[in-house]
C-alpha atoms as a PDB file:
ATOM      1  CA  UNK A   1     128.668 223.012 245.206  1.00  0.00           C
ATOM      2  CA  UNK A   2     127.404 226.017 243.204  1.00  0.00           C
ATOM      3  CA  UNK A   3     124.615 228.179 244.202  1.00  0.00           C
ATOM      4  CA  UNK A   4     121.954 228.591 241.565  1.00  0.00           C
ATOM      5  CA  UNK A   5     121.805 232.428 242.333  1.00  0.00           C
ATOM      6  CA  UNK A   6     125.324 232.761 241.249  1.00  0.00           C
ATOM      7  CA  UNK A   7     124.555 230.954 237.822  1.00  0.00           C
ATOM      8  CA  UNK A   8     121.684 233.210 237.059  1.00  0.00           C
ATOM      9  CA  UNK A   9     122.872 236.654 238.180  1.00  0.00           C
ATOM     10  CA  UNK A  10     124.892 237.262 234.967  1.00  0.00           C
ATOM     11  CA  UNK A  11     122.171 236.060 232.825  1.00  0.00           C
ATOM     12  CA  UNK A  12     119.646 238.192 234.643  1.00  0.00           C
ATOM     13  CA  UNK A  13     121.765 241.356 234.740  1.00  0.00           C
ATOM     14  CA  UNK A  14     122.373 240.821 230.843  1.00  0.00           C
ATOM     15  CA  UNK A  15     118.579 240.729 230.337  1.00  0.00           C
ATOM     16  CA  UNK A  16     118.122 243.836 232.442  1.00  0.00           C
ATOM     17  CA  UNK A  17     120.653 245.679 230.489  1.00  0.00           C
ATOM     18  CA  UNK A  18     119.017 244.522 226.970  1.00  0.00           C
ATOM     19  CA  UNK A  19     115.738 245.747 228.228  1.00  0.00           C
ATOM     20  CA  UNK A  20     117.148 249.124 229.317  1.00  0.00           C
ATOM     21  CA  UNK A  21     118.652 249.772 226.036  1.00  0.00           C
ATOM     22  CA  UNK A  22     115.467 248.731 224.223  1.00  0.00           C
ATOM     23  CA  UNK A  23     113.518 250.953 226.470  1.00  0.00           C
ATOM     24  CA  UNK A  24     115.856 253.847 225.707  1.00  0.00           C
ATOM     25  CA  UNK A  25     115.805 253.278 222.198  1.00  0.00           C
ATOM     26  CA  UNK A  26     112.102 253.460 222.123  1.00  0.00           C
ATOM     27  CA  UNK A  27     111.911 256.547 224.132  1.00  0.00           C
ATOM     28  CA  UNK A  28     114.449 258.031 221.858  1.00  0.00           C
ATOM     29  CA  UNK A  29     112.535 257.088 218.618  1.00  0.00           C
ATOM     30  CA  UNK A  30     109.225 258.391 220.173  1.00  0.00           C
ATOM     31  CA  UNK A  31     110.915 261.740 220.976  1.00  0.00           C
ATOM     32  CA  UNK A  32     112.377 262.097 217.657  1.00  0.00           C
ATOM     33  CA  UNK A  33     109.028 261.301 215.888  1.00  0.00           C
ATOM     34  CA  UNK A  34     107.024 263.779 218.242  1.00  0.00           C
ATOM     35  CA  UNK A  35     109.493 266.553 218.190  1.00  0.00           C
ATOM     36  CA  UNK A  36     111.461 266.633 215.006  1.00  0.00           C
ATOM     37  CA  UNK A  37     110.414 269.301 212.274  1.00  0.00           C
ATOM     38  CA  UNK A  38     110.236 266.293 209.460  1.00  0.00           C
ATOM     39  CA  UNK A  39     107.827 263.994 211.185  1.00  0.00           C
ATOM     40  CA  UNK A  40     104.791 264.536 213.022  1.00  0.00           C
ATOM     41  CA  UNK A  41     104.453 268.411 212.543  1.00  0.00           C
ATOM     42  CA  UNK A  42     104.978 268.009 208.671  1.00  0.00           C
ATOM     43  CA  UNK A  43     102.532 265.085 208.499  1.00  0.00           C
ATOM     44  CA  UNK A  44      99.984 267.119 210.413  1.00  0.00           C
ATOM     45  CA  UNK A  45     100.529 270.183 208.025  1.00  0.00           C
ATOM     46  CA  UNK A  46     100.270 268.017 204.972  1.00  0.00           C
ATOM     47  CA  UNK A  47      97.086 266.302 206.176  1.00  0.00           C
ATOM     48  CA  UNK A  48      95.616 269.736 206.628  1.00  0.00           C
ATOM     49  CA  UNK A  49      96.539 271.038 203.108  1.00  0.00           C
ATOM     50  CA  UNK A  50      94.864 267.725 201.677  1.00  0.00           C
ATOM     51  CA  UNK A  51      91.672 268.410 203.672  1.00  0.00           C
ATOM     52  CA  UNK A  52      91.529 271.931 202.280  1.00  0.00           C
ATOM     53  CA  UNK A  53      92.275 270.798 198.785  1.00  0.00           C
ATOM     54  CA  UNK A  54      89.535 268.169 199.093  1.00  0.00           C
ATOM     55  CA  UNK A  55      87.249 271.005 200.183  1.00  0.00           C
ATOM     56  CA  UNK A  56      88.189 272.905 197.349  1.00  0.00           C
ATOM     57  CA  UNK A  57      87.559 269.837 194.961  1.00  0.00           C
ATOM     58  CA  UNK A  58      84.060 269.484 196.200  1.00  0.00           C
ATOM     59  CA  UNK A  59      83.127 273.239 196.112  1.00  0.00           C
ATOM     60  CA  UNK A  60      84.366 273.564 192.532  1.00  0.00           C
ATOM     61  CA  UNK A  61      82.270 270.538 191.586  1.00  0.00           C
ATOM     62  CA  UNK A  62      79.262 272.216 193.354  1.00  0.00           C
ATOM     63  CA  UNK A  63      79.874 275.200 191.308  1.00  0.00           C
ATOM     64  CA  UNK A  64      80.145 273.241 188.074  1.00  0.00           C
ATOM     65  CA  UNK A  65      76.977 271.291 188.794  1.00  0.00           C
ATOM     66  CA  UNK A  66      74.945 274.489 189.243  1.00  0.00           C
ATOM     67  CA  UNK A  67      75.336 275.439 185.667  1.00  0.00           C
ATOM     68  CA  UNK A  68      76.601 272.239 183.938  1.00  0.00           C
ATOM     69  CA  UNK A  69      77.123 268.569 185.055  1.00  0.00           C
ATOM     70  CA  UNK A  70      80.280 267.324 185.774  1.00  0.00           C
ATOM     71  CA  UNK A  71      80.124 264.737 183.245  1.00  0.00           C
ATOM     72  CA  UNK A  72      79.324 267.167 180.368  1.00  0.00           C
ATOM     73  CA  UNK A  73      82.235 269.214 181.272  1.00  0.00           C
ATOM     74  CA  UNK A  74      84.613 266.343 181.432  1.00  0.00           C
ATOM     75  CA  UNK A  75      83.356 265.025 177.902  1.00  0.00           C
ATOM     76  CA  UNK A  76      83.178 268.284 175.959  1.00  0.00           C
ATOM     77  CA  UNK A  77      86.498 270.107 175.852  1.00  0.00           C
ATOM     78  CA  UNK A  78      84.955 273.307 174.375  1.00  0.00           C
ATOM     79  CA  UNK A  79      82.299 273.687 176.954  1.00  0.00           C
ATOM     80  CA  UNK A  80      85.273 272.893 179.562  1.00  0.00           C
ATOM     81  CA  UNK A  81      87.154 275.870 178.131  1.00  0.00           C
ATOM     82  CA  UNK A  82      84.238 278.241 178.143  1.00  0.00           C
ATOM     83  CA  UNK A  83      83.272 277.354 181.596  1.00  0.00           C
ATOM     84  CA  UNK A  84      86.804 278.063 182.678  1.00  0.00           C
ATOM     85  CA  UNK A  85      87.000 281.282 180.998  1.00  0.00           C
ATOM     86  CA  UNK A  86      83.534 282.461 182.119  1.00  0.00           C
ATOM     87  CA  UNK A  87      83.353 281.358 185.640  1.00  0.00           C
ATOM     88  CA  UNK A  88      86.934 280.922 186.792  1.00  0.00           C
ATOM     89  CA  UNK A  89      88.315 283.643 184.947  1.00  0.00           C
ATOM     90  CA  UNK A  90      90.916 281.572 183.390  1.00  0.00           C
ATOM     91  CA  UNK A  91      93.003 282.754 180.530  1.00  0.00           C
ATOM     92  CA  UNK A  92      95.669 281.675 177.931  1.00  0.00           C
ATOM     93  CA  UNK A  93      99.381 282.744 178.676  1.00  0.00           C
ATOM     94  CA  UNK A  94      99.444 284.993 175.770  1.00  0.00           C
ATOM     95  CA  UNK A  95      96.064 286.765 176.366  1.00  0.00           C
ATOM     96  CA  UNK A  96      94.926 289.793 178.209  1.00  0.00           C
ATOM     97  CA  UNK A  97      91.185 289.335 179.866  1.00  0.00           C
ATOM     98  CA  UNK A  98      89.264 292.418 180.808  1.00  0.00           C
ATOM     99  CA  UNK A  99      86.861 292.164 183.310  1.00  0.00           C
ATOM    100  CA  UNK A 100      83.975 294.673 182.993  1.00  0.00           C
ATOM    101  CA  UNK A 101      82.078 295.508 186.287  1.00  0.00           C
ATOM    102  CA  UNK A 102      78.790 297.512 185.923  1.00  0.00           C
ATOM    103  CA  UNK A 103      77.920 299.679 188.598  1.00  0.00           C
END
């Protein structure tokens, strides 16, 4: 007559080994995600850059809204070019721009 414990011991051992391998794999994956250069740190750096760029967009829209509305600039290319030249000091590649400062 066989004992029930002897039949279930190999199955129990096999399940335990599978759970250990599973746990080690999860821990290794989490370690890689947290401490690798290409995962978590890079993601946080990109999120900071996105936040900074979104702030710059909002600030630029506020600057634009002081003189012209955003819709006016987007609909009129001549007005947009004039605004970019005067307020943002932009120029074409083949131009030289001189800014005179009165003291």
